[in-house]
PDB file of N, CA and C in Angstrom:
ATOM      1  N   MET A   1      35.692 -83.997 -61.000  1.00  0.00           N
ATOM      2  CA  MET A   1      33.541 -83.702 -60.577  1.00  0.00           C
ATOM      3  C   MET A   1      34.087 -82.695 -59.403  1.00  0.00           C
ATOM      4  N   SER A   2      33.888 -81.087 -59.138  1.00  0.00           N
ATOM      5  CA  SER A   2      33.627 -80.685 -58.875  1.00  0.00           C
ATOM      6  C   SER A   2      33.036 -80.772 -57.197  1.00  0.00           C
ATOM      7  N   TYR A   3      32.837 -80.353 -56.217  1.00  0.00           N
ATOM      8  CA  TYR A   3      31.732 -80.148 -54.854  1.00  0.00           C
ATOM      9  C   TYR A   3      32.114 -78.760 -54.576  1.00  0.00           C
ATOM     10  N   GLU A   4      32.216 -78.107 -54.834  1.00  0.00           N
ATOM     11  CA  GLU A   4      32.856 -76.529 -55.094  1.00  0.00           C
ATOM     12  C   GLU A   4      30.489 -76.057 -53.962  1.00  0.00           C
ATOM     13  N   TYR A   5      29.803 -76.671 -55.162  1.00  0.00           N
ATOM     14  CA  TYR A   5      28.676 -76.228 -54.859  1.00  0.00           C
ATOM     15  C   TYR A   5      28.028 -76.651 -53.554  1.00  0.00           C
ATOM     16  N   LEU A   6      28.878 -78.160 -53.033  1.00  0.00           N
ATOM     17  CA  LEU A   6      28.628 -78.803 -51.231  1.00  0.00           C
ATOM     18  C   LEU A   6      29.143 -78.496 -50.618  1.00  0.00           C
ATOM     19  N   ILE A   7      30.311 -77.145 -50.536  1.00  0.00           N
ATOM     20  CA  ILE A   7      30.791 -76.872 -49.589  1.00  0.00           C
ATOM     21  C   ILE A   7      30.212 -75.150 -49.144  1.00  0.00           C
ATOM     22  N   LYS A   8      30.041 -74.514 -50.861  1.00  0.00           N
ATOM     23  CA  LYS A   8      29.181 -73.042 -50.053  1.00  0.00           C
ATOM     24  C   LYS A   8      27.834 -74.139 -49.522  1.00  0.00           C
ATOM     25  N   SER A   9      27.434 -74.822 -49.828  1.00  0.00           N
ATOM     26  CA  SER A   9      25.518 -75.580 -48.874  1.00  0.00           C
ATOM     27  C   SER A   9      26.218 -75.453 -47.280  1.00  0.00           C
ATOM     28  N   SER A  10      26.645 -76.098 -46.943  1.00  0.00           N
ATOM     29  CA  SER A  10      27.939 -76.213 -45.718  1.00  0.00           C
ATOM     30  C   SER A  10      27.688 -75.292 -45.119  1.00  0.00           C
ATOM     31  N   LEU A  11      28.999 -74.280 -46.269  1.00  0.00           N
ATOM     32  CA  LEU A  11      29.209 -72.912 -44.767  1.00  0.00           C
ATOM     33  C   LEU A  11      27.872 -72.164 -44.757  1.00  0.00           C
ATOM     34  N   HIS A  12      26.662 -72.321 -45.787  1.00  0.00           N
ATOM     35  CA  HIS A  12      25.492 -71.508 -45.488  1.00  0.00           C
ATOM     36  C   HIS A  12      24.941 -72.168 -44.254  1.00  0.00           C
ATOM     37  N   LEU A  13      24.985 -73.078 -44.801  1.00  0.00           N
ATOM     38  CA  LEU A  13      23.978 -74.477 -43.297  1.00  0.00           C
ATOM     39  C   LEU A  13      25.279 -73.635 -41.799  1.00  0.00           C
ATOM     40  N   LEU A  14      26.332 -73.571 -41.772  1.00  0.00           N
ATOM     41  CA  LEU A  14      27.258 -72.759 -41.129  1.00  0.00           C
ATOM     42  C   LEU A  14      26.510 -71.195 -40.096  1.00  0.00           C
ATOM     43  N   GLN A  15      26.036 -70.618 -41.404  1.00  0.00           N
ATOM     44  CA  GLN A  15      26.044 -69.719 -41.165  1.00  0.00           C
ATOM     45  C   GLN A  15      24.234 -69.748 -40.477  1.00  0.00           C
ATOM     46  N   CYS A  16      23.484 -70.157 -41.042  1.00  0.00           N
ATOM     47  CA  CYS A  16      22.277 -70.657 -39.855  1.00  0.00           C
ATOM     48  C   CYS A  16      22.368 -71.278 -38.545  1.00  0.00           C
ATOM     49  N   LEU A  17      23.253 -71.994 -39.005  1.00  0.00           N
ATOM     50  CA  LEU A  17      23.510 -72.541 -37.814  1.00  0.00           C
ATOM     51  C   LEU A  17      23.762 -71.179 -36.387  1.00  0.00           C
ATOM     52  N   THR A  18      25.056 -70.654 -36.642  1.00  0.00           N
ATOM     53  CA  THR A  18      25.489 -69.792 -36.239  1.00  0.00           C
ATOM     54  C   THR A  18      23.552 -68.727 -35.859  1.00  0.00           C
ATOM     55  N   GLU A  19      23.416 -68.791 -36.840  1.00  0.00           N
ATOM     56  CA  GLU A  19      21.975 -67.217 -36.526  1.00  0.00           C
ATOM     57  C   GLU A  19      21.248 -68.038 -35.541  1.00  0.00           C
ATOM     58  N   CYS A  20      20.988 -69.425 -35.513  1.00  0.00           N
ATOM     59  CA  CYS A  20      19.886 -69.783 -34.783  1.00  0.00           C
ATOM     60  C   CYS A  20      20.550 -69.977 -33.766  1.00  0.00           C
ATOM     61  N   LYS A  21      21.776 -70.587 -33.395  1.00  0.00           N
ATOM     62  CA  LYS A  21      22.699 -69.534 -31.127  1.00  0.00           C
ATOM     63  C   LYS A  21      21.900 -68.798 -31.183  1.00  0.00           C
ATOM     64  N   GLN A  22      22.490 -68.331 -32.215  1.00  0.00           N
ATOM     65  CA  GLN A  22      22.603 -66.822 -31.467  1.00  0.00           C
ATOM     66  C   GLN A  22      21.264 -66.724 -30.954  1.00  0.00           C
ATOM     67  N   ARG A  23      20.239 -66.363 -31.823  1.00  0.00           N
ATOM     68  CA  ARG A  23      18.763 -66.467 -31.379  1.00  0.00           C
ATOM     69  C   ARG A  23      18.283 -67.199 -30.536  1.00  0.00           C
ATOM     70  N   PHE A  24      18.683 -67.968 -29.916  1.00  0.00           N
ATOM     71  CA  PHE A  24      18.269 -68.890 -28.690  1.00  0.00           C
ATOM     72  C   PHE A  24      19.257 -68.869 -27.036  1.00  0.00           C
ATOM     73  N   GLU A  25      20.663 -68.219 -27.496  1.00  0.00           N
ATOM     74  CA  GLU A  25      20.817 -68.321 -26.245  1.00  0.00           C
ATOM     75  C   GLU A  25      20.547 -66.127 -26.047  1.00  0.00           C
ATOM     76  N   SER A  26      19.875 -65.348 -26.733  1.00  0.00           N
ATOM     77  CA  SER A  26      19.426 -64.074 -27.182  1.00  0.00           C
ATOM     78  C   SER A  26      18.302 -63.988 -25.834  1.00  0.00           C
ATOM     79  N   PHE A  27      17.301 -65.150 -25.825  1.00  0.00           N
ATOM     80  CA  PHE A  27      15.861 -64.593 -25.008  1.00  0.00           C
ATOM     81  C   PHE A  27      16.694 -65.109 -23.416  1.00  0.00           C
ATOM     82  N   GLN A  28      15.938 -64.204 -22.672  1.00  0.00           N
ATOM     83  CA  GLN A  28      15.623 -64.387 -21.984  1.00  0.00           C
ATOM     84  C   GLN A  28      14.187 -64.809 -21.426  1.00  0.00           C
ATOM     85  N   LYS A  29      13.450 -65.245 -21.302  1.00  0.00           N
ATOM     86  CA  LYS A  29      12.746 -66.617 -21.376  1.00  0.00           C
ATOM     87  C   LYS A  29      11.984 -66.783 -22.307  1.00  0.00           C
ATOM     88  N   LYS A  30      11.296 -68.012 -22.120  1.00  0.00           N
ATOM     89  CA  LYS A  30      10.666 -68.301 -23.844  1.00  0.00           C
ATOM     90  C   LYS A  30       9.464 -67.486 -24.315  1.00  0.00           C
ATOM     91  N   PRO A  31       9.496 -66.763 -26.235  1.00  0.00           N
ATOM     92  CA  PRO A  31       9.232 -66.269 -26.200  1.00  0.00           C
ATOM     93  C   PRO A  31       7.191 -66.922 -26.327  1.00  0.00           C
ATOM     94  N   GLU A  32       5.909 -66.504 -26.578  1.00  0.00           N
ATOM     95  CA  GLU A  32       4.674 -66.930 -26.582  1.00  0.00           C
ATOM     96  C   GLU A  32       4.652 -67.380 -28.294  1.00  0.00           C
ATOM     97  N   LYS A  33       4.109 -68.567 -27.628  1.00  0.00           N
ATOM     98  CA  LYS A  33       3.580 -68.689 -29.156  1.00  0.00           C
ATOM     99  C   LYS A  33       2.209 -68.252 -29.389  1.00  0.00           C
ATOM    100  N   THR A  34       2.099 -67.508 -30.966  1.00  0.00           N
ATOM    101  CA  THR A  34       1.137 -66.863 -30.735  1.00  0.00           C
ATOM    102  C   THR A  34       0.820 -66.895 -32.310  1.00  0.00           C
ATOM    103  N   ASP A  35      -0.147 -66.949 -33.131  1.00  0.00           N
ATOM    104  CA  ASP A  35      -0.379 -66.827 -34.107  1.00  0.00           C
ATOM    105  C   ASP A  35       0.571 -66.385 -35.542  1.00  0.00           C
ATOM    106  N   ALA A  36       0.847 -65.392 -34.730  1.00  0.00           N
ATOM    107  CA  ALA A  36       0.964 -64.028 -35.514  1.00  0.00           C
ATOM    108  C   ALA A  36       3.109 -64.294 -35.247  1.00  0.00           C
ATOM    109  N   TYR A  37       3.251 -64.802 -34.235  1.00  0.00           N
ATOM    110  CA  TYR A  37       5.192 -64.587 -34.773  1.00  0.00           C
ATOM    111  C   TYR A  37       5.016 -66.523 -35.177  1.00  0.00           C
ATOM    112  N   PHE A  38       3.889 -67.200 -35.023  1.00  0.00           N
ATOM    113  CA  PHE A  38       4.552 -68.709 -35.656  1.00  0.00           C
ATOM    114  C   PHE A  38       4.966 -68.365 -37.363  1.00  0.00           C
ATOM    115  N   TYR A  39       3.673 -66.796 -37.915  1.00  0.00           N
ATOM    116  CA  TYR A  39       3.876 -67.355 -39.703  1.00  0.00           C
ATOM    117  C   TYR A  39       4.281 -66.186 -40.034  1.00  0.00           C
ATOM    118  N   GLU A  40       5.090 -65.124 -38.931  1.00  0.00           N
ATOM    119  CA  GLU A  40       5.524 -64.578 -39.347  1.00  0.00           C
ATOM    120  C   GLU A  40       7.410 -64.351 -38.815  1.00  0.00           C
ATOM    121  N   GLN A  41       7.896 -64.831 -38.106  1.00  0.00           N
ATOM    122  CA  GLN A  41       9.197 -65.359 -37.844  1.00  0.00           C
ATOM    123  C   GLN A  41       9.390 -66.631 -38.132  1.00  0.00           C
ATOM    124  N   VAL A  42       8.783 -67.852 -36.743  1.00  0.00           N
ATOM    125  CA  VAL A  42       8.783 -68.647 -37.146  1.00  0.00           C
ATOM    126  C   VAL A  42       9.577 -69.538 -39.302  1.00  0.00           C
ATOM    127  N   LYS A  43       8.280 -69.986 -39.401  1.00  0.00           N
ATOM    128  CA  LYS A  43       7.907 -69.894 -40.986  1.00  0.00           C
ATOM    129  C   LYS A  43       8.490 -70.317 -41.461  1.00  0.00           C
ATOM    130  N   PRO A  44       9.037 -68.432 -41.964  1.00  0.00           N
ATOM    131  CA  PRO A  44       9.704 -68.245 -42.992  1.00  0.00           C
ATOM    132  C   PRO A  44      10.606 -68.430 -42.518  1.00  0.00           C
ATOM    133  N   THR A  45      11.615 -68.762 -42.033  1.00  0.00           N
ATOM    134  CA  THR A  45      13.227 -68.746 -41.334  1.00  0.00           C
ATOM    135  C   THR A  45      13.070 -70.290 -41.388  1.00  0.00           C
ATOM    136  N   PHE A  46      11.808 -71.443 -40.595  1.00  0.00           N
ATOM    137  CA  PHE A  46      12.066 -72.584 -41.470  1.00  0.00           C
ATOM    138  C   PHE A  46      12.249 -73.220 -42.094  1.00  0.00           C
ATOM    139  N   GLU A  47      11.255 -72.480 -43.372  1.00  0.00           N
ATOM    140  CA  GLU A  47      11.125 -72.973 -44.916  1.00  0.00           C
ATOM    141  C   GLU A  47      12.495 -72.052 -45.221  1.00  0.00           C
ATOM    142  N   LEU A  48      13.400 -71.516 -44.978  1.00  0.00           N
ATOM    143  CA  LEU A  48      14.390 -70.612 -45.831  1.00  0.00           C
ATOM    144  C   LEU A  48      15.388 -72.176 -45.582  1.00  0.00           C
ATOM    145  N   VAL A  49      15.807 -72.572 -43.790  1.00  0.00           N
ATOM    146  CA  VAL A  49      17.146 -73.280 -44.211  1.00  0.00           C
ATOM    147  C   VAL A  49      15.988 -74.802 -44.632  1.00  0.00           C
ATOM    148  N   LYS A  50      14.970 -75.355 -44.064  1.00  0.00           N
ATOM    149  CA  LYS A  50      14.110 -76.610 -44.803  1.00  0.00           C
ATOM    150  C   LYS A  50      15.727 -76.704 -46.128  1.00  0.00           C
ATOM    151  N   ASP A  51      14.399 -75.822 -47.417  1.00  0.00           N
ATOM    152  CA  ASP A  51      15.300 -75.993 -48.530  1.00  0.00           C
ATOM    153  C   ASP A  51      16.460 -76.021 -48.636  1.00  0.00           C
ATOM    154  N   LYS A  52      17.611 -75.162 -47.932  1.00  0.00           N
ATOM    155  CA  LYS A  52      18.738 -75.213 -48.311  1.00  0.00           C
ATOM    156  C   LYS A  52      19.128 -76.175 -47.939  1.00  0.00           C
ATOM    157  N   ALA A  53      18.785 -76.674 -46.757  1.00  0.00           N
ATOM    158  CA  ALA A  53      18.881 -78.224 -46.274  1.00  0.00           C
ATOM    159  C   ALA A  53      18.880 -79.054 -47.550  1.00  0.00           C
ATOM    160  N   ASP A  54      17.717 -79.077 -48.104  1.00  0.00           N
ATOM    161  CA  ASP A  54      17.581 -79.998 -49.011  1.00  0.00           C
ATOM    162  C   ASP A  54      18.270 -79.996 -49.917  1.00  0.00           C
ATOM    163  N   VAL A  55      18.789 -79.293 -50.130  1.00  0.00           N
ATOM    164  CA  VAL A  55      19.118 -78.972 -51.841  1.00  0.00           C
ATOM    165  C   VAL A  55      20.460 -79.783 -51.259  1.00  0.00           C
ATOM    166  N   TRP A  56      21.176 -79.256 -50.040  1.00  0.00           N
ATOM    167  CA  TRP A  56      22.726 -79.427 -48.709  1.00  0.00           C
ATOM    168  C   TRP A  56      22.659 -81.423 -48.722  1.00  0.00           C
ATOM    169  N   GLU A  57      21.363 -82.021 -48.439  1.00  0.00           N
ATOM    170  CA  GLU A  57      20.980 -83.357 -48.367  1.00  0.00           C
ATOM    171  C   GLU A  57      21.356 -84.050 -49.834  1.00  0.00           C
ATOM    172  N   GLN A  58      21.076 -83.507 -50.667  1.00  0.00           N
ATOM    173  CA  GLN A  58      20.833 -84.683 -52.419  1.00  0.00           C
ATOM    174  C   GLN A  58      22.203 -83.941 -52.945  1.00  0.00           C
ATOM    175  N   LEU A  59      23.498 -83.092 -52.529  1.00  0.00           N
ATOM    176  CA  LEU A  59      24.866 -82.800 -52.991  1.00  0.00           C
ATOM    177  C   LEU A  59      25.170 -83.549 -51.593  1.00  0.00           C
ATOM    178  N   ALA A  60      25.351 -83.946 -50.227  1.00  0.00           N
ATOM    179  CA  ALA A  60      26.085 -84.762 -49.860  1.00  0.00           C
ATOM    180  C   ALA A  60      25.928 -86.044 -50.301  1.00  0.00           C
ATOM    181  N   SER A  61      24.430 -86.556 -50.141  1.00  0.00           N
ATOM    182  CA  SER A  61      24.223 -88.415 -50.599  1.00  0.00           C
ATOM    183  C   SER A  61      24.873 -88.126 -51.780  1.00  0.00           C
ATOM    184  N   GLU A  62      25.052 -87.564 -52.955  1.00  0.00           N
ATOM    185  CA  GLU A  62      25.759 -87.536 -54.193  1.00  0.00           C
ATOM    186  C   GLU A  62      26.926 -87.834 -54.060  1.00  0.00           C
ATOM    187  N   TRP A  63      27.353 -86.476 -53.141  1.00  0.00           N
ATOM    188  CA  TRP A  63      29.104 -86.827 -52.577  1.00  0.00           C
ATOM    189  C   TRP A  63      29.598 -88.539 -52.702  1.00  0.00           C
ATOM    190  N   ILE A  64      28.804 -88.871 -51.372  1.00  0.00           N
ATOM    191  CA  ILE A  64      28.596 -89.809 -50.602  1.00  0.00           C
ATOM    192  C   ILE A  64      29.578 -90.904 -51.589  1.00  0.00           C
ATOM    193  N   LYS A  65      27.860 -91.477 -52.567  1.00  0.00           N
ATOM    194  CA  LYS A  65      27.403 -92.529 -52.971  1.00  0.00           C
ATOM    195  C   LYS A  65      29.054 -92.257 -54.007  1.00  0.00           C
ATOM    196  N   LYS A  66      29.524 -90.949 -54.530  1.00  0.00           N
ATOM    197  CA  LYS A  66      30.428 -91.174 -55.433  1.00  0.00           C
ATOM    198  C   LYS A  66      32.429 -91.584 -54.861  1.00  0.00           C
ATOM    199  N   LYS A  67      32.127 -90.300 -53.633  1.00  0.00           N
ATOM    200  CA  LYS A  67      33.468 -90.227 -53.010  1.00  0.00           C
ATOM    201  C   LYS A  67      33.615 -91.975 -51.459  1.00  0.00           C
ATOM    202  N   ARG A  68      32.137 -91.779 -51.084  1.00  0.00           N
ATOM    203  CA  ARG A  68      32.503 -92.363 -50.673  1.00  0.00           C
ATOM    204  C   ARG A  68      33.734 -92.424 -49.298  1.00  0.00           C
ATOM    205  N   PRO A  69      33.692 -91.427 -48.603  1.00  0.00           N
ATOM    206  CA  PRO A  69      33.893 -90.907 -47.736  1.00  0.00           C
ATOM    207  C   PRO A  69      34.698 -91.581 -46.444  1.00  0.00           C
ATOM    208  N   LYS A  70      35.599 -91.713 -45.726  1.00  0.00           N
ATOM    209  CA  LYS A  70      35.565 -92.545 -44.941  1.00  0.00           C
ATOM    210  C   LYS A  70      35.125 -92.515 -43.139  1.00  0.00           C
ATOM    211  N   TYR A  71      34.943 -91.091 -42.261  1.00  0.00           N
ATOM    212  CA  TYR A  71      33.701 -91.437 -41.954  1.00  0.00           C
ATOM    213  C   TYR A  71      32.794 -90.916 -41.099  1.00  0.00           C
ATOM    214  N   ILE A  72      32.476 -90.295 -43.089  1.00  0.00           N
ATOM    215  CA  ILE A  72      30.856 -89.926 -43.220  1.00  0.00           C
ATOM    216  C   ILE A  72      30.079 -90.445 -43.832  1.00  0.00           C
ATOM    217  N   HIS A  73      28.711 -91.222 -43.206  1.00  0.00           N
ATOM    218  CA  HIS A  73      27.859 -92.234 -43.726  1.00  0.00           C
ATOM    219  C   HIS A  73      26.789 -91.625 -44.253  1.00  0.00           C
ATOM    220  N   GLN A  74      25.673 -92.007 -45.471  1.00  0.00           N
ATOM    221  CA  GLN A  74      23.967 -91.443 -45.175  1.00  0.00           C
ATOM    222  C   GLN A  74      23.169 -91.160 -44.427  1.00  0.00           C
ATOM    223  N   SER A  75      23.534 -91.672 -42.944  1.00  0.00           N
ATOM    224  CA  SER A  75      23.148 -91.951 -41.588  1.00  0.00           C
ATOM    225  C   SER A  75      23.040 -90.819 -40.767  1.00  0.00           C
ATOM    226  N   GLN A  76      24.264 -89.966 -40.640  1.00  0.00           N
ATOM    227  CA  GLN A  76      24.856 -88.838 -40.709  1.00  0.00           C
ATOM    228  C   GLN A  76      23.799 -87.653 -41.354  1.00  0.00           C
ATOM    229  N   ILE A  77      24.439 -87.969 -42.818  1.00  0.00           N
ATOM    230  CA  ILE A  77      23.887 -87.238 -43.398  1.00  0.00           C
ATOM    231  C   ILE A  77      21.766 -86.649 -42.823  1.00  0.00           C
ATOM    232  N   ASP A  78      21.482 -88.058 -43.397  1.00  0.00           N
ATOM    233  CA  ASP A  78      20.175 -87.792 -42.810  1.00  0.00           C
ATOM    234  C   ASP A  78      19.919 -87.493 -40.881  1.00  0.00           C
ATOM    235  N   SER A  79      20.532 -87.528 -40.027  1.00  0.00           N
ATOM    236  CA  SER A  79      20.480 -87.726 -39.010  1.00  0.00           C
ATOM    237  C   SER A  79      20.926 -85.956 -38.791  1.00  0.00           C
ATOM    238  N   ALA A  80      21.523 -85.103 -39.559  1.00  0.00           N
ATOM    239  CA  ALA A  80      22.138 -84.216 -39.628  1.00  0.00           C
ATOM    240  C   ALA A  80      20.864 -82.748 -39.995  1.00  0.00           C
ATOM    241  N   ARG A  81      20.043 -83.606 -41.065  1.00  0.00           N
ATOM    242  CA  ARG A  81      19.532 -83.048 -41.484  1.00  0.00           C
ATOM    243  C   ARG A  81      17.665 -82.747 -40.991  1.00  0.00           C
ATOM    244  N   GLU A  82      17.925 -83.633 -39.885  1.00  0.00           N
ATOM    245  CA  GLU A  82      16.822 -83.562 -38.716  1.00  0.00           C
ATOM    246  C   GLU A  82      16.960 -82.806 -37.816  1.00  0.00           C
ATOM    247  N   ASN A  83      18.196 -82.803 -37.520  1.00  0.00           N
ATOM    248  CA  ASN A  83      18.604 -82.229 -36.506  1.00  0.00           C
ATOM    249  C   ASN A  83      18.758 -80.265 -36.834  1.00  0.00           C
ATOM    250  N   LEU A  84      19.215 -80.330 -37.648  1.00  0.00           N
ATOM    251  CA  LEU A  84      18.930 -78.906 -38.788  1.00  0.00           C
ATOM    252  C   LEU A  84      18.147 -78.334 -38.234  1.00  0.00           C
ATOM    253  N   GLU A  85      16.975 -78.774 -38.677  1.00  0.00           N
ATOM    254  CA  GLU A  85      15.189 -78.330 -38.992  1.00  0.00           C
ATOM    255  C   GLU A  85      15.490 -77.787 -37.396  1.00  0.00           C
ATOM    256  N   GLN A  86      15.535 -79.512 -36.362  1.00  0.00           N
ATOM    257  CA  GLN A  86      15.082 -78.949 -34.252  1.00  0.00           C
ATOM    258  C   GLN A  86      15.445 -78.195 -33.930  1.00  0.00           C
ATOM    259  N   VAL A  87      17.118 -78.203 -34.573  1.00  0.00           N
ATOM    260  CA  VAL A  87      17.819 -76.532 -34.253  1.00  0.00           C
ATOM    261  C   VAL A  87      17.244 -75.133 -34.414  1.00  0.00           C
ATOM    262  N   VAL A  88      16.524 -75.082 -35.804  1.00  0.00           N
ATOM    263  CA  VAL A  88      15.786 -73.942 -36.335  1.00  0.00           C
ATOM    264  C   VAL A  88      14.505 -73.978 -35.639  1.00  0.00           C
ATOM    265  N   LEU A  89      13.736 -75.163 -35.667  1.00  0.00           N
ATOM    266  CA  LEU A  89      12.777 -74.584 -34.340  1.00  0.00           C
ATOM    267  C   LEU A  89      12.710 -74.334 -33.054  1.00  0.00           C
ATOM    268  N   GLN A  90      13.752 -75.018 -32.823  1.00  0.00           N
ATOM    269  CA  GLN A  90      14.038 -74.585 -31.127  1.00  0.00           C
ATOM    270  C   GLN A  90      14.628 -73.321 -30.678  1.00  0.00           C
ATOM    271  N   SER A  91      15.218 -72.413 -31.753  1.00  0.00           N
ATOM    272  CA  SER A  91      15.710 -71.276 -31.661  1.00  0.00           C
ATOM    273  C   SER A  91      14.014 -70.340 -31.683  1.00  0.00           C
ATOM    274  N   PHE A  92      13.720 -70.488 -32.209  1.00  0.00           N
ATOM    275  CA  PHE A  92      12.447 -69.561 -31.937  1.00  0.00           C
ATOM    276  C   PHE A  92      11.892 -69.984 -30.405  1.00  0.00           C
ATOM    277  N   TYR A  93      11.898 -71.062 -29.701  1.00  0.00           N
ATOM    278  CA  TYR A  93      10.669 -71.497 -28.709  1.00  0.00           C
ATOM    279  C   TYR A  93      11.814 -71.653 -27.373  1.00  0.00           C
ATOM    280  N   LYS A  94      12.396 -72.077 -27.857  1.00  0.00           N
ATOM    281  CA  LYS A  94      13.841 -71.993 -26.465  1.00  0.00           C
ATOM    282  C   LYS A  94      12.640 -73.084 -25.348  1.00  0.00           C
ATOM    283  N   ASP A  95      12.438 -74.411 -25.947  1.00  0.00           N
ATOM    284  CA  ASP A  95      11.139 -75.273 -25.226  1.00  0.00           C
ATOM    285  C   ASP A  95      11.839 -76.662 -25.041  1.00  0.00           C
ATOM    286  N   ILE A  96      12.976 -76.269 -25.544  1.00  0.00           N
ATOM    287  CA  ILE A  96      14.432 -77.571 -25.377  1.00  0.00           C
ATOM    288  C   ILE A  96      15.926 -77.606 -24.587  1.00  0.00           C
ATOM    289  N   ASN A  97      15.930 -78.023 -23.823  1.00  0.00           N
ATOM    290  CA  ASN A  97      16.483 -78.035 -22.564  1.00  0.00           C
ATOM    291  C   ASN A  97      17.840 -77.149 -23.024  1.00  0.00           C
ATOM    292  N   ASN A  98      19.194 -76.141 -22.508  1.00  0.00           N
ATOM    293  CA  ASN A  98      20.215 -75.422 -22.986  1.00  0.00           C
ATOM    294  C   ASN A  98      21.074 -76.910 -23.778  1.00  0.00           C
ATOM    295  N   GLN A  99      21.404 -78.141 -22.401  1.00  0.00           N
ATOM    296  CA  GLN A  99      21.824 -78.860 -23.306  1.00  0.00           C
ATOM    297  C   GLN A  99      22.147 -79.990 -24.277  1.00  0.00           C
ATOM    298  N   ARG A 100      20.286 -79.844 -24.703  1.00  0.00           N
ATOM    299  CA  ARG A 100      19.745 -80.258 -25.711  1.00  0.00           C
ATOM    300  C   ARG A 100      20.279 -80.101 -27.378  1.00  0.00           C
ATOM    301  N   PHE A 101      20.425 -78.636 -26.730  1.00  0.00           N
ATOM    302  CA  PHE A 101      19.657 -77.980 -28.073  1.00  0.00           C
ATOM    303  C   PHE A 101      20.983 -77.523 -28.279  1.00  0.00           C
ATOM    304  N   HIS A 102      22.363 -77.722 -27.536  1.00  0.00           N
ATOM    305  CA  HIS A 102      23.707 -76.936 -28.212  1.00  0.00           C
ATOM    306  C   HIS A 102      24.721 -78.448 -28.632  1.00  0.00           C
ATOM    307  N   ASN A 103      24.287 -79.499 -27.600  1.00  0.00           N
ATOM    308  CA  ASN A 103      24.835 -80.812 -28.774  1.00  0.00           C
ATOM    309  C   ASN A 103      24.231 -81.166 -30.079  1.00  0.00           C
ATOM    310  N   MET A 104      22.996 -80.534 -30.087  1.00  0.00           N
ATOM    311  CA  MET A 104      22.268 -81.174 -31.227  1.00  0.00           C
ATOM    312  C   MET A 104      22.722 -79.761 -32.108  1.00  0.00           C
ATOM    313  N   HIS A 105      22.842 -78.381 -32.250  1.00  0.00           N
ATOM    314  CA  HIS A 105      23.922 -77.993 -32.561  1.00  0.00           C
ATOM    315  C   HIS A 105      25.626 -78.079 -32.834  1.00  0.00           C
ATOM    316  N   HIS A 106      25.712 -78.473 -32.827  1.00  0.00           N
ATOM    317  CA  HIS A 106      27.391 -79.375 -31.744  1.00  0.00           C
ATOM    318  C   HIS A 106      27.568 -80.399 -33.495  1.00  0.00           C
ATOM    319  N   SER A 107      26.423 -81.476 -33.114  1.00  0.00           N
ATOM    320  CA  SER A 107      26.168 -82.778 -34.451  1.00  0.00           C
ATOM    321  C   SER A 107      26.612 -82.128 -35.758  1.00  0.00           C
ATOM    322  N   VAL A 108      25.636 -81.140 -35.432  1.00  0.00           N
ATOM    323  CA  VAL A 108      25.911 -80.706 -37.375  1.00  0.00           C
ATOM    324  C   VAL A 108      26.989 -79.851 -37.556  1.00  0.00           C
ATOM    325  N   GLU A 109      26.939 -79.035 -36.462  1.00  0.00           N
ATOM    326  CA  GLU A 109      28.619 -78.311 -37.491  1.00  0.00           C
ATOM    327  C   GLU A 109      29.011 -79.024 -37.046  1.00  0.00           C
ATOM    328  N   TYR A 110      29.883 -80.213 -36.423  1.00  0.00           N
ATOM    329  CA  TYR A 110      30.841 -81.012 -37.203  1.00  0.00           C
ATOM    330  C   TYR A 110      30.439 -82.036 -38.255  1.00  0.00           C
ATOM    331  N   LEU A 111      29.680 -82.457 -38.334  1.00  0.00           N
ATOM    332  CA  LEU A 111      29.151 -82.534 -39.586  1.00  0.00           C
ATOM    333  C   LEU A 111      29.703 -82.053 -40.366  1.00  0.00           C
ATOM    334  N   LEU A 112      29.368 -80.838 -41.223  1.00  0.00           N
ATOM    335  CA  LEU A 112      29.103 -79.531 -42.037  1.00  0.00           C
ATOM    336  C   LEU A 112      30.572 -79.731 -41.914  1.00  0.00           C
ATOM    337  N   ASN A 113      31.891 -79.742 -40.865  1.00  0.00           N
ATOM    338  CA  ASN A 113      32.914 -78.406 -41.164  1.00  0.00           C
ATOM    339  C   ASN A 113      33.775 -79.564 -41.698  1.00  0.00           C
ATOM    340  N   THR A 114      33.133 -81.327 -41.112  1.00  0.00           N
ATOM    341  CA  THR A 114      34.058 -82.619 -41.447  1.00  0.00           C
ATOM    342  C   THR A 114      33.841 -82.607 -43.330  1.00  0.00           C
ATOM    343  N   ILE A 115      32.653 -82.522 -43.647  1.00  0.00           N
ATOM    344  CA  ILE A 115      32.093 -82.627 -45.174  1.00  0.00           C
ATOM    345  C   ILE A 115      33.509 -81.368 -45.712  1.00  0.00           C
ATOM    346  N   ILE A 116      33.973 -80.286 -45.449  1.00  0.00           N
ATOM    347  CA  ILE A 116      33.981 -78.940 -45.617  1.00  0.00           C
ATOM    348  C   ILE A 116      35.960 -79.928 -45.612  1.00  0.00           C
ATOM    349  N   ASP A 117      35.985 -80.071 -44.935  1.00  0.00           N
ATOM    350  CA  ASP A 117      37.313 -80.498 -45.175  1.00  0.00           C
ATOM    351  C   ASP A 117      37.964 -81.252 -45.896  1.00  0.00           C
ATOM    352  N   GLN A 118      37.162 -82.120 -45.680  1.00  0.00           N
ATOM    353  CA  GLN A 118      36.964 -83.677 -46.289  1.00  0.00           C
ATOM    354  C   GLN A 118      37.341 -83.218 -48.063  1.00  0.00           C
ATOM    355  N   ILE A 119      36.293 -82.885 -47.451  1.00  0.00           N
ATOM    356  CA  ILE A 119      36.617 -82.842 -49.858  1.00  0.00           C
ATOM    357  C   ILE A 119      37.364 -81.496 -49.734  1.00  0.00           C
ATOM    358  N   GLU A 120      37.890 -80.868 -49.387  1.00  0.00           N
ATOM    359  CA  GLU A 120      39.310 -79.758 -49.501  1.00  0.00           C
ATOM    360  C   GLU A 120      40.547 -80.822 -49.298  1.00  0.00           C
TER     361      GLU A 120
END
């Protein structure tokens, strides 16, 4: 079975991560938490990434069950999905310590790259 769709999904999530990091680093100060900002900016982006993460999680879980990769486990997939959602949200508000944001970003990025490498 080909896991091309899992690779494409992982690459797309990596692109989303890059956009989140750029957005987070571009803020000079915290944006104002208004309803308009939430509904026009945050919610549509979050829902788009969440939908893509749901598909990715299912594909990655199936891959783990079938291939049993040596250094990737289901708990890492679950954590990566949760961290990805947090990265997306925090990239809009900057309510989090820079170090924590970058650690979450890096952990998700590392897992996605590891999955791509293992499949190829």
